[in-house]
Amino acid sequence: MTSSRFEAEVVSTDYMLRLAASDLGRSYKSMVRGQLGLRPGSRVLDVGCGPGADLPDYAELVGPSGAVVGVDHDDTAVEAARKRTLHLPQVQVHIGDGHRLNEADESFDAAHTDRVLQHVFDPAEVLAEVARVLRPGGAAAFAEPDWETLVVDHPEPRLSTAYTRYVTEFQVRNARIGRQLAGFANDAGLAVRTIIPITTVFDDAGAADKVLGLHRVTRRAIEHEVMTPDEGQRWLDHLSGAQTFFAAVSLFVVCAVKPSTTVGSRTRTKS
C-alpha cells in the first residue's frame, strides 16, 4: 500500500493456506467453485492467487484440457504457488498487477478474487479488468469482508469499537469493500446474479487470533494511539482470559456473469 494512512499488510503464505484449509475456508470456497461453473476444458483466472490455495481445486475441475492461470504481485507468493502446482501442467502462475492484466480480451470462462480487493489501490479498476478478460457468458466470483461488521464482545464496549475503528480506518485500505462489491461489478458491466453473506462466528480466542490477528492488530492500534497501552492491555487480558469468547465478521460473495452483447464501453444484456 502506498498511502501512509494504511499499514502495509503482509499476509504470510502459511496463514493463507491455513485459512483455506479451515472449516470456514473449505465451506465458502466450495460454494464459490460451484458458482463459477467450471468443467473440463474451462479456462479460469485467479487474480491475487497468493500461494495458490485454490489452484489445485480449479485444476481438478477443468482437467488436463483446461487452463488455470494465477496472478499475484508478490514474488514470494508466486513462487509458493508455482511449487504447489508443479505437478499440474494446466496451471500457470505469474507475477502481475490486477489493475493492468496481461491477459487477452475475452480469454477466460471464469475469474475469481478472494479477499484481494480489500487491499488493492482501485477495486473498480481491477473489476473492470476482470470483465475485460471474461468471455461473454463467463462467470466471476468475488469474496470480500466488510470490516465494519466486525464485533467482539468485551465488558468495555468502547474498546471493541476502538478496535474495529482501527481496522477500518488504518489497517485495511478498502475496509467496506464487502458492501461495495455489487456496485463495482455492475459498474464494470457485469450482471450480478447472487450476493451471498457469510458470517463467521468465533467462540475461541485462539482461533480468532489466528484469523483476525487480535494481538498483532492491537499492538498497531496502540502505536497509532487509537488505544492507550493500558486500554490495549485490558482489552487483550480479557479476551485471553474470558470464559466465554465471542467475535463475528461478515464476508460477502458476489457472483456475476458477463452478458453476451456489448454496447459502447459497457456490457449489456440482449433485449
C-alpha atoms as a PDB file:
ATOM      1  CA  MET A   1       0.000   0.000   0.000  1.00  0.00           C
ATOM      2  CA  THR A   2       1.320   3.365  -0.890  1.00  0.00           C
ATOM      3  CA  SER A   3      -0.719   5.647   1.368  1.00  0.00           C
ATOM      4  CA  SER A   4       0.843   6.459   4.739  1.00  0.00           C
ATOM      5  CA  ARG A   5      -2.592   6.215   6.331  1.00  0.00           C
ATOM      6  CA  PHE A   6      -2.676   2.466   5.801  1.00  0.00           C
ATOM      7  CA  GLU A   7      -0.135  -0.033   7.038  1.00  0.00           C
ATOM      8  CA  ALA A   8       1.433  -2.419   4.589  1.00  0.00           C
ATOM      9  CA  GLU A   9      -0.382  -5.667   5.211  1.00  0.00           C
ATOM     10  CA  VAL A  10       1.987  -8.583   4.792  1.00  0.00           C
ATOM     11  CA  VAL A  11      -0.071 -11.764   4.823  1.00  0.00           C
ATOM     12  CA  SER A  12       2.018 -14.884   5.198  1.00  0.00           C
ATOM     13  CA  THR A  13       1.535 -17.711   2.742  1.00  0.00           C
ATOM     14  CA  ASP A  14       1.211 -20.093   5.704  1.00  0.00           C
ATOM     15  CA  TYR A  15      -1.732 -18.068   7.032  1.00  0.00           C
ATOM     16  CA  MET A  16      -3.492 -18.069   3.673  1.00  0.00           C
ATOM     17  CA  LEU A  17      -3.105 -21.820   3.324  1.00  0.00           C
ATOM     18  CA  ARG A  18      -4.306 -22.403   6.902  1.00  0.00           C
ATOM     19  CA  LEU A  19      -7.402 -20.314   6.274  1.00  0.00           C
ATOM     20  CA  ALA A  20      -8.130 -22.173   3.051  1.00  0.00           C
ATOM     21  CA  ALA A  21      -7.875 -25.476   4.939  1.00  0.00           C
ATOM     22  CA  SER A  22     -10.124 -24.343   7.809  1.00  0.00           C
ATOM     23  CA  ASP A  23     -13.808 -25.273   8.042  1.00  0.00           C
ATOM     24  CA  LEU A  24     -14.689 -21.702   7.053  1.00  0.00           C
ATOM     25  CA  GLY A  25     -12.343 -21.709   4.067  1.00  0.00           C
ATOM     26  CA  ARG A  26     -13.431 -25.082   2.755  1.00  0.00           C
ATOM     27  CA  SER A  27     -17.105 -24.161   3.076  1.00  0.00           C
ATOM     28  CA  TYR A  28     -17.197 -20.885   1.187  1.00  0.00           C
ATOM     29  CA  LYS A  29     -14.518 -21.837  -1.337  1.00  0.00           C
ATOM     30  CA  SER A  30     -16.520 -24.921  -2.297  1.00  0.00           C
ATOM     31  CA  MET A  31     -19.553 -22.705  -2.805  1.00  0.00           C
ATOM     32  CA  VAL A  32     -17.535 -20.292  -4.962  1.00  0.00           C
ATOM     33  CA  ARG A  33     -16.310 -23.130  -7.172  1.00  0.00           C
ATOM     34  CA  GLY A  34     -19.905 -24.180  -7.711  1.00  0.00           C
ATOM     35  CA  GLN A  35     -20.880 -20.654  -8.706  1.00  0.00           C
ATOM     36  CA  LEU A  36     -18.091 -20.469 -11.296  1.00  0.00           C
ATOM     37  CA  GLY A  37     -19.475 -23.491 -13.150  1.00  0.00           C
ATOM     38  CA  LEU A  38     -16.074 -24.910 -14.060  1.00  0.00           C
ATOM     39  CA  ARG A  39     -15.984 -28.021 -16.242  1.00  0.00           C
ATOM     40  CA  PRO A  40     -13.388 -29.924 -18.278  1.00  0.00           C
ATOM     41  CA  GLY A  41     -11.785 -27.585 -20.786  1.00  0.00           C
ATOM     42  CA  SER A  42     -12.668 -24.354 -18.933  1.00  0.00           C
ATOM     43  CA  ARG A  43     -10.167 -21.521 -18.629  1.00  0.00           C
ATOM     44  CA  VAL A  44     -10.157 -19.827 -15.213  1.00  0.00           C
ATOM     45  CA  LEU A  45      -8.203 -16.822 -13.912  1.00  0.00           C
ATOM     46  CA  ASP A  46      -7.403 -16.353 -10.211  1.00  0.00           C
ATOM     47  CA  VAL A  47      -6.447 -12.705  -9.595  1.00  0.00           C
ATOM     48  CA  GLY A  48      -4.391 -12.327  -6.412  1.00  0.00           C
ATOM     49  CA  CYS A  49      -3.874 -16.074  -6.173  1.00  0.00           C
ATOM     50  CA  GLY A  50      -1.401 -15.810  -3.271  1.00  0.00           C
ATOM     51  CA  PRO A  51       0.334 -19.138  -2.572  1.00  0.00           C
ATOM     52  CA  GLY A  52      -2.115 -20.955  -4.840  1.00  0.00           C
ATOM     53  CA  ALA A  53      -4.523 -22.352  -2.267  1.00  0.00           C
ATOM     54  CA  ASP A  54      -7.349 -22.550  -4.827  1.00  0.00           C
ATOM     55  CA  LEU A  55      -5.380 -23.528  -7.916  1.00  0.00           C
ATOM     56  CA  PRO A  56      -5.284 -27.341  -7.418  1.00  0.00           C
ATOM     57  CA  ASP A  57      -9.060 -27.493  -6.943  1.00  0.00           C
ATOM     58  CA  TYR A  58      -9.591 -25.450 -10.112  1.00  0.00           C
ATOM     59  CA  ALA A  59      -7.156 -27.704 -11.981  1.00  0.00           C
ATOM     60  CA  GLU A  60      -9.103 -30.788 -10.935  1.00  0.00           C
ATOM     61  CA  LEU A  61     -12.351 -29.274 -12.225  1.00  0.00           C
ATOM     62  CA  VAL A  62     -11.020 -28.071 -15.592  1.00  0.00           C
ATOM     63  CA  GLY A  63      -8.930 -31.179 -16.191  1.00  0.00           C
ATOM     64  CA  PRO A  64      -5.883 -31.543 -18.454  1.00  0.00           C
ATOM     65  CA  SER A  65      -7.738 -29.924 -21.369  1.00  0.00           C
ATOM     66  CA  GLY A  66      -8.448 -26.756 -19.376  1.00  0.00           C
ATOM     67  CA  ALA A  67      -6.254 -23.949 -18.111  1.00  0.00           C
ATOM     68  CA  VAL A  68      -5.800 -22.296 -14.738  1.00  0.00           C
ATOM     69  CA  VAL A  69      -3.906 -19.005 -14.559  1.00  0.00           C
ATOM     70  CA  GLY A  70      -2.879 -17.484 -11.232  1.00  0.00           C
ATOM     71  CA  VAL A  71      -1.707 -13.874 -10.999  1.00  0.00           C
ATOM     72  CA  ASP A  72      -0.198 -12.156  -7.988  1.00  0.00           C
ATOM     73  CA  HIS A  73       2.026  -9.106  -7.462  1.00  0.00           C
ATOM     74  CA  ASP A  74       4.106 -10.760  -4.721  1.00  0.00           C
ATOM     75  CA  ASP A  75       7.221 -12.700  -5.735  1.00  0.00           C
ATOM     76  CA  THR A  76       7.157 -14.946  -2.665  1.00  0.00           C
ATOM     77  CA  ALA A  77       3.519 -15.874  -3.160  1.00  0.00           C
ATOM     78  CA  VAL A  78       4.039 -16.619  -6.854  1.00  0.00           C
ATOM     79  CA  GLU A  79       6.994 -18.872  -6.078  1.00  0.00           C
ATOM     80  CA  ALA A  80       4.952 -20.729  -3.452  1.00  0.00           C
ATOM     81  CA  ALA A  81       2.046 -21.150  -5.906  1.00  0.00           C
ATOM     82  CA  ARG A  82       4.371 -22.479  -8.587  1.00  0.00           C
ATOM     83  CA  LYS A  83       5.845 -25.057  -6.216  1.00  0.00           C
ATOM     84  CA  ARG A  84       2.357 -26.038  -5.075  1.00  0.00           C
ATOM     85  CA  THR A  85       1.231 -26.726  -8.648  1.00  0.00           C
ATOM     86  CA  LEU A  86       4.384 -28.180 -10.243  1.00  0.00           C
ATOM     87  CA  HIS A  87       2.565 -31.458 -10.858  1.00  0.00           C
ATOM     88  CA  LEU A  88      -0.319 -29.713 -12.663  1.00  0.00           C
ATOM     89  CA  PRO A  89       0.670 -28.828 -16.249  1.00  0.00           C
ATOM     90  CA  GLN A  90      -2.610 -26.983 -16.880  1.00  0.00           C
ATOM     91  CA  VAL A  91      -1.693 -24.399 -14.196  1.00  0.00           C
ATOM     92  CA  GLN A  92       0.378 -21.304 -14.929  1.00  0.00           C
ATOM     93  CA  VAL A  93       1.308 -18.735 -12.291  1.00  0.00           C
ATOM     94  CA  HIS A  94       2.944 -15.412 -12.973  1.00  0.00           C
ATOM     95  CA  ILE A  95       3.609 -12.032 -11.450  1.00  0.00           C
ATOM     96  CA  GLY A  96       1.101  -9.406 -12.483  1.00  0.00           C
ATOM     97  CA  ASP A  97      -0.953  -6.406 -11.467  1.00  0.00           C
ATOM     98  CA  GLY A  98      -4.707  -6.844 -11.238  1.00  0.00           C
ATOM     99  CA  HIS A  99      -5.154  -3.236 -12.324  1.00  0.00           C
ATOM    100  CA  ARG A 100      -3.451  -3.999 -15.664  1.00  0.00           C
ATOM    101  CA  LEU A 101      -3.755  -7.671 -16.521  1.00  0.00           C
ATOM    102  CA  ASN A 102      -1.607  -9.015 -19.344  1.00  0.00           C
ATOM    103  CA  GLU A 103      -4.297 -11.480 -20.419  1.00  0.00           C
ATOM    104  CA  ALA A 104      -6.129 -11.001 -23.719  1.00  0.00           C
ATOM    105  CA  ASP A 105      -9.694  -9.743 -24.055  1.00  0.00           C
ATOM    106  CA  GLU A 106     -12.407 -12.393 -23.608  1.00  0.00           C
ATOM    107  CA  SER A 107      -9.873 -15.162 -22.971  1.00  0.00           C
ATOM    108  CA  PHE A 108     -11.361 -16.787 -19.826  1.00  0.00           C
ATOM    109  CA  ASP A 109     -14.535 -18.665 -18.980  1.00  0.00           C
ATOM    110  CA  ALA A 110     -14.340 -17.745 -15.300  1.00  0.00           C
ATOM    111  CA  ALA A 111     -12.475 -15.421 -12.937  1.00  0.00           C
ATOM    112  CA  HIS A 112     -12.050 -15.210  -9.199  1.00  0.00           C
ATOM    113  CA  THR A 113     -10.750 -12.952  -6.450  1.00  0.00           C
ATOM    114  CA  ASP A 114     -10.742 -13.820  -2.749  1.00  0.00           C
ATOM    115  CA  ARG A 115     -10.003 -11.235  -0.023  1.00  0.00           C
ATOM    116  CA  VAL A 116      -7.825  -9.338  -2.517  1.00  0.00           C
ATOM    117  CA  LEU A 117      -9.880  -6.267  -3.386  1.00  0.00           C
ATOM    118  CA  GLN A 118      -9.803  -5.057   0.218  1.00  0.00           C
ATOM    119  CA  HIS A 119      -6.097  -4.294  -0.259  1.00  0.00           C
ATOM    120  CA  VAL A 120      -5.784  -3.020  -3.840  1.00  0.00           C
ATOM    121  CA  PHE A 121      -5.402   0.629  -4.816  1.00  0.00           C
ATOM    122  CA  ASP A 122      -8.501   0.746  -7.053  1.00  0.00           C
ATOM    123  CA  PRO A 123     -11.044  -2.121  -6.790  1.00  0.00           C
ATOM    124  CA  ALA A 124     -13.168  -0.684  -9.622  1.00  0.00           C
ATOM    125  CA  GLU A 125     -10.206  -0.854 -11.993  1.00  0.00           C
ATOM    126  CA  VAL A 126      -9.476  -4.464 -11.051  1.00  0.00           C
ATOM    127  CA  LEU A 127     -13.086  -5.496 -11.656  1.00  0.00           C
ATOM    128  CA  ALA A 128     -13.069  -3.680 -14.995  1.00  0.00           C
ATOM    129  CA  GLU A 129     -10.009  -5.730 -15.967  1.00  0.00           C
ATOM    130  CA  VAL A 130     -11.726  -8.935 -14.868  1.00  0.00           C
ATOM    131  CA  ALA A 131     -14.732  -8.020 -17.018  1.00  0.00           C
ATOM    132  CA  ARG A 132     -12.449  -7.319 -19.969  1.00  0.00           C
ATOM    133  CA  VAL A 133     -10.767 -10.737 -19.921  1.00  0.00           C
ATOM    134  CA  LEU A 134     -14.007 -12.697 -19.421  1.00  0.00           C
ATOM    135  CA  ARG A 135     -15.694 -14.106 -22.488  1.00  0.00           C
ATOM    136  CA  PRO A 136     -19.394 -13.253 -22.971  1.00  0.00           C
ATOM    137  CA  GLY A 137     -21.340 -15.538 -20.649  1.00  0.00           C
ATOM    138  CA  GLY A 138     -18.294 -16.036 -18.426  1.00  0.00           C
ATOM    139  CA  ALA A 139     -18.732 -16.179 -14.655  1.00  0.00           C
ATOM    140  CA  ALA A 140     -16.931 -14.253 -11.906  1.00  0.00           C
ATOM    141  CA  ALA A 141     -16.943 -14.630  -8.136  1.00  0.00           C
ATOM    142  CA  PHE A 142     -15.568 -12.046  -5.710  1.00  0.00           C
ATOM    143  CA  ALA A 143     -15.293 -12.746  -1.964  1.00  0.00           C
ATOM    144  CA  GLU A 144     -14.559  -9.864   0.402  1.00  0.00           C
ATOM    145  CA  PRO A 145     -15.161  -8.978   4.071  1.00  0.00           C
ATOM    146  CA  ASP A 146     -16.845  -5.828   5.299  1.00  0.00           C
ATOM    147  CA  TRP A 147     -14.764  -4.933   8.320  1.00  0.00           C
ATOM    148  CA  GLU A 148     -17.369  -2.625   9.824  1.00  0.00           C
ATOM    149  CA  THR A 149     -19.329  -5.806  10.573  1.00  0.00           C
ATOM    150  CA  LEU A 150     -16.567  -6.921  12.949  1.00  0.00           C
ATOM    151  CA  VAL A 151     -17.875  -7.226  16.512  1.00  0.00           C
ATOM    152  CA  VAL A 152     -16.038  -8.506  19.559  1.00  0.00           C
ATOM    153  CA  ASP A 153     -17.730  -8.907  22.931  1.00  0.00           C
ATOM    154  CA  HIS A 154     -15.909  -7.102  25.750  1.00  0.00           C
ATOM    155  CA  PRO A 155     -17.037  -5.590  29.093  1.00  0.00           C
ATOM    156  CA  GLU A 156     -15.737  -2.231  27.825  1.00  0.00           C
ATOM    157  CA  PRO A 157     -17.665  -1.776  24.564  1.00  0.00           C
ATOM    158  CA  ARG A 158     -15.746   1.371  23.663  1.00  0.00           C
ATOM    159  CA  LEU A 159     -12.581  -0.737  23.373  1.00  0.00           C
ATOM    160  CA  SER A 160     -14.340  -3.063  20.934  1.00  0.00           C
ATOM    161  CA  THR A 161     -15.455  -0.009  18.982  1.00  0.00           C
ATOM    162  CA  ALA A 162     -11.925   1.399  19.021  1.00  0.00           C
ATOM    163  CA  TYR A 163     -10.501  -1.888  17.749  1.00  0.00           C
ATOM    164  CA  THR A 164     -12.943  -2.069  14.839  1.00  0.00           C
ATOM    165  CA  ARG A 165     -12.342   1.611  14.074  1.00  0.00           C
ATOM    166  CA  TYR A 166      -8.607   0.969  13.854  1.00  0.00           C
ATOM    167  CA  VAL A 167      -9.157  -1.928  11.437  1.00  0.00           C
ATOM    168  CA  THR A 168     -11.468   0.090   9.188  1.00  0.00           C
ATOM    169  CA  GLU A 169      -9.575   3.396   9.268  1.00  0.00           C
ATOM    170  CA  PHE A 170      -5.939   2.275   9.372  1.00  0.00           C
ATOM    171  CA  GLN A 171      -5.452  -1.446   8.846  1.00  0.00           C
ATOM    172  CA  VAL A 172      -7.395  -2.194   5.662  1.00  0.00           C
ATOM    173  CA  ARG A 173      -7.399   0.121   2.655  1.00  0.00           C
ATOM    174  CA  ASN A 174     -10.874  -0.811   1.376  1.00  0.00           C
ATOM    175  CA  ALA A 175     -12.441  -1.905   4.641  1.00  0.00           C
ATOM    176  CA  ARG A 176     -16.047  -1.582   3.401  1.00  0.00           C
ATOM    177  CA  ILE A 177     -15.483  -3.424   0.129  1.00  0.00           C
ATOM    178  CA  GLY A 178     -17.968  -6.165   1.023  1.00  0.00           C
ATOM    179  CA  ARG A 179     -20.940  -3.821   0.724  1.00  0.00           C
ATOM    180  CA  GLN A 180     -19.485  -2.128  -2.365  1.00  0.00           C
ATOM    181  CA  LEU A 181     -18.755  -5.237  -4.435  1.00  0.00           C
ATOM    182  CA  ALA A 182     -22.093  -5.467  -6.225  1.00  0.00           C
ATOM    183  CA  GLY A 183     -21.922  -1.825  -7.283  1.00  0.00           C
ATOM    184  CA  PHE A 184     -18.381  -2.187  -8.584  1.00  0.00           C
ATOM    185  CA  ALA A 185     -19.363  -5.318 -10.511  1.00  0.00           C
ATOM    186  CA  ASN A 186     -22.328  -3.565 -12.099  1.00  0.00           C
ATOM    187  CA  ASP A 187     -20.187  -0.561 -12.999  1.00  0.00           C
ATOM    188  CA  ALA A 188     -17.714  -2.923 -14.696  1.00  0.00           C
ATOM    189  CA  GLY A 189     -20.515  -4.189 -16.935  1.00  0.00           C
ATOM    190  CA  LEU A 190     -21.073  -7.479 -15.139  1.00  0.00           C
ATOM    191  CA  ALA A 191     -24.564  -8.723 -14.294  1.00  0.00           C
ATOM    192  CA  VAL A 192     -24.774  -9.670 -10.614  1.00  0.00           C
ATOM    193  CA  ARG A 193     -26.595 -12.976 -10.152  1.00  0.00           C
ATOM    194  CA  THR A 194     -26.194 -13.676  -6.454  1.00  0.00           C
ATOM    195  CA  ILE A 195     -24.940 -11.987  -3.293  1.00  0.00           C
ATOM    196  CA  ILE A 196     -24.196 -14.448  -0.512  1.00  0.00           C
ATOM    197  CA  PRO A 197     -23.481 -13.187   3.023  1.00  0.00           C
ATOM    198  CA  ILE A 198     -21.327 -15.429   5.199  1.00  0.00           C
ATOM    199  CA  THR A 199     -20.988 -14.519   8.863  1.00  0.00           C
ATOM    200  CA  THR A 200     -18.187 -16.248  10.705  1.00  0.00           C
ATOM    201  CA  VAL A 201     -18.575 -16.592  14.471  1.00  0.00           C
ATOM    202  CA  PHE A 202     -15.580 -17.283  16.710  1.00  0.00           C
ATOM    203  CA  ASP A 203     -16.087 -18.764  20.176  1.00  0.00           C
ATOM    204  CA  ASP A 204     -12.406 -19.390  20.841  1.00  0.00           C
ATOM    205  CA  ALA A 205      -9.927 -16.546  21.343  1.00  0.00           C
ATOM    206  CA  GLY A 206      -7.004 -18.549  19.996  1.00  0.00           C
ATOM    207  CA  ALA A 207      -8.799 -19.415  16.770  1.00  0.00           C
ATOM    208  CA  ALA A 208      -9.940 -15.806  16.374  1.00  0.00           C
ATOM    209  CA  ASP A 209      -6.391 -14.563  16.901  1.00  0.00           C
ATOM    210  CA  LYS A 210      -5.115 -16.745  14.046  1.00  0.00           C
ATOM    211  CA  VAL A 211      -7.642 -15.263  11.614  1.00  0.00           C
ATOM    212  CA  LEU A 212      -8.165 -11.732  12.951  1.00  0.00           C
ATOM    213  CA  GLY A 213      -4.701 -11.124  14.392  1.00  0.00           C
ATOM    214  CA  LEU A 214      -6.078  -9.729  17.655  1.00  0.00           C
ATOM    215  CA  HIS A 215      -2.713  -9.314  19.385  1.00  0.00           C
ATOM    216  CA  ARG A 216      -0.879  -8.040  16.316  1.00  0.00           C
ATOM    217  CA  VAL A 217      -3.596  -5.536  15.391  1.00  0.00           C
ATOM    218  CA  THR A 218      -3.973  -4.336  18.977  1.00  0.00           C
ATOM    219  CA  ARG A 219      -0.267  -3.516  19.131  1.00  0.00           C
ATOM    220  CA  ARG A 220      -0.652  -1.463  15.964  1.00  0.00           C
ATOM    221  CA  ALA A 221      -3.746   0.271  17.333  1.00  0.00           C
ATOM    222  CA  ILE A 222      -1.676   1.333  20.354  1.00  0.00           C
ATOM    223  CA  GLU A 223       1.090   2.616  18.090  1.00  0.00           C
ATOM    224  CA  HIS A 224      -1.482   4.721  16.225  1.00  0.00           C
ATOM    225  CA  GLU A 225      -2.916   5.978  19.537  1.00  0.00           C
ATOM    226  CA  VAL A 226      -6.358   4.555  18.834  1.00  0.00           C
ATOM    227  CA  MET A 227      -5.935   2.749  22.159  1.00  0.00           C
ATOM    228  CA  THR A 228      -3.703   3.659  25.066  1.00  0.00           C
ATOM    229  CA  PRO A 229      -1.220   0.989  26.221  1.00  0.00           C
ATOM    230  CA  ASP A 230      -3.355   0.398  29.332  1.00  0.00           C
ATOM    231  CA  GLU A 231      -6.536   0.047  27.271  1.00  0.00           C
ATOM    232  CA  GLY A 232      -4.822  -2.319  24.870  1.00  0.00           C
ATOM    233  CA  GLN A 233      -3.591  -4.488  27.720  1.00  0.00           C
ATOM    234  CA  ARG A 234      -7.018  -4.582  29.378  1.00  0.00           C
ATOM    235  CA  TRP A 235      -8.588  -5.482  26.048  1.00  0.00           C
ATOM    236  CA  LEU A 236      -6.184  -8.368  25.427  1.00  0.00           C
ATOM    237  CA  ASP A 237      -6.199  -9.613  29.024  1.00  0.00           C
ATOM    238  CA  HIS A 238      -9.958 -10.024  28.962  1.00  0.00           C
ATOM    239  CA  LEU A 239     -10.029 -11.681  25.533  1.00  0.00           C
ATOM    240  CA  SER A 240      -7.358 -14.160  26.597  1.00  0.00           C
ATOM    241  CA  GLY A 241      -8.887 -14.940  29.961  1.00  0.00           C
ATOM    242  CA  ALA A 242     -12.632 -14.748  29.341  1.00  0.00           C
ATOM    243  CA  GLN A 243     -14.580 -17.948  29.929  1.00  0.00           C
ATOM    244  CA  THR A 244     -16.891 -17.038  27.067  1.00  0.00           C
ATOM    245  CA  PHE A 245     -15.453 -15.510  23.913  1.00  0.00           C
ATOM    246  CA  PHE A 246     -17.486 -14.079  21.049  1.00  0.00           C
ATOM    247  CA  ALA A 247     -16.433 -12.366  17.827  1.00  0.00           C
ATOM    248  CA  ALA A 248     -18.008 -12.237  14.384  1.00  0.00           C
ATOM    249  CA  VAL A 249     -17.358 -10.712  10.967  1.00  0.00           C
ATOM    250  CA  SER A 250     -19.210 -10.980   7.666  1.00  0.00           C
ATOM    251  CA  LEU A 251     -17.833 -11.900   4.257  1.00  0.00           C
ATOM    252  CA  PHE A 252     -19.821 -11.234   1.086  1.00  0.00           C
ATOM    253  CA  VAL A 253     -19.558 -13.346  -2.050  1.00  0.00           C
ATOM    254  CA  VAL A 254     -20.769 -11.607  -5.210  1.00  0.00           C
ATOM    255  CA  CYS A 255     -21.351 -13.876  -8.196  1.00  0.00           C
ATOM    256  CA  ALA A 256     -21.772 -12.279 -11.617  1.00  0.00           C
ATOM    257  CA  VAL A 257     -21.731 -13.038 -15.334  1.00  0.00           C
ATOM    258  CA  LYS A 258     -20.567 -11.094 -18.354  1.00  0.00           C
ATOM    259  CA  PRO A 259     -23.612 -10.532 -20.559  1.00  0.00           C
ATOM    260  CA  SER A 260     -23.469 -11.718 -24.114  1.00  0.00           C
ATOM    261  CA  THR A 261     -23.586  -8.409 -26.013  1.00  0.00           C
ATOM    262  CA  THR A 262     -21.805  -5.088 -25.616  1.00  0.00           C
ATOM    263  CA  VAL A 263     -22.906  -1.550 -26.306  1.00  0.00           C
ATOM    264  CA  GLY A 264     -20.176   1.080 -26.272  1.00  0.00           C
ATOM    265  CA  SER A 265     -17.788   0.531 -23.387  1.00  0.00           C
ATOM    266  CA  ARG A 266     -20.384  -1.186 -21.210  1.00  0.00           C
ATOM    267  CA  THR A 267     -21.633  -4.731 -21.479  1.00  0.00           C
ATOM    268  CA  ARG A 268     -25.385  -5.099 -21.975  1.00  0.00           C
ATOM    269  CA  THR A 269     -27.825  -7.975 -21.959  1.00  0.00           C
ATOM    270  CA  LYS A 270     -29.705  -8.726 -25.162  1.00  0.00           C
ATOM    271  CA  SER A 271     -33.241  -7.362 -25.182  1.00  0.00           C
END
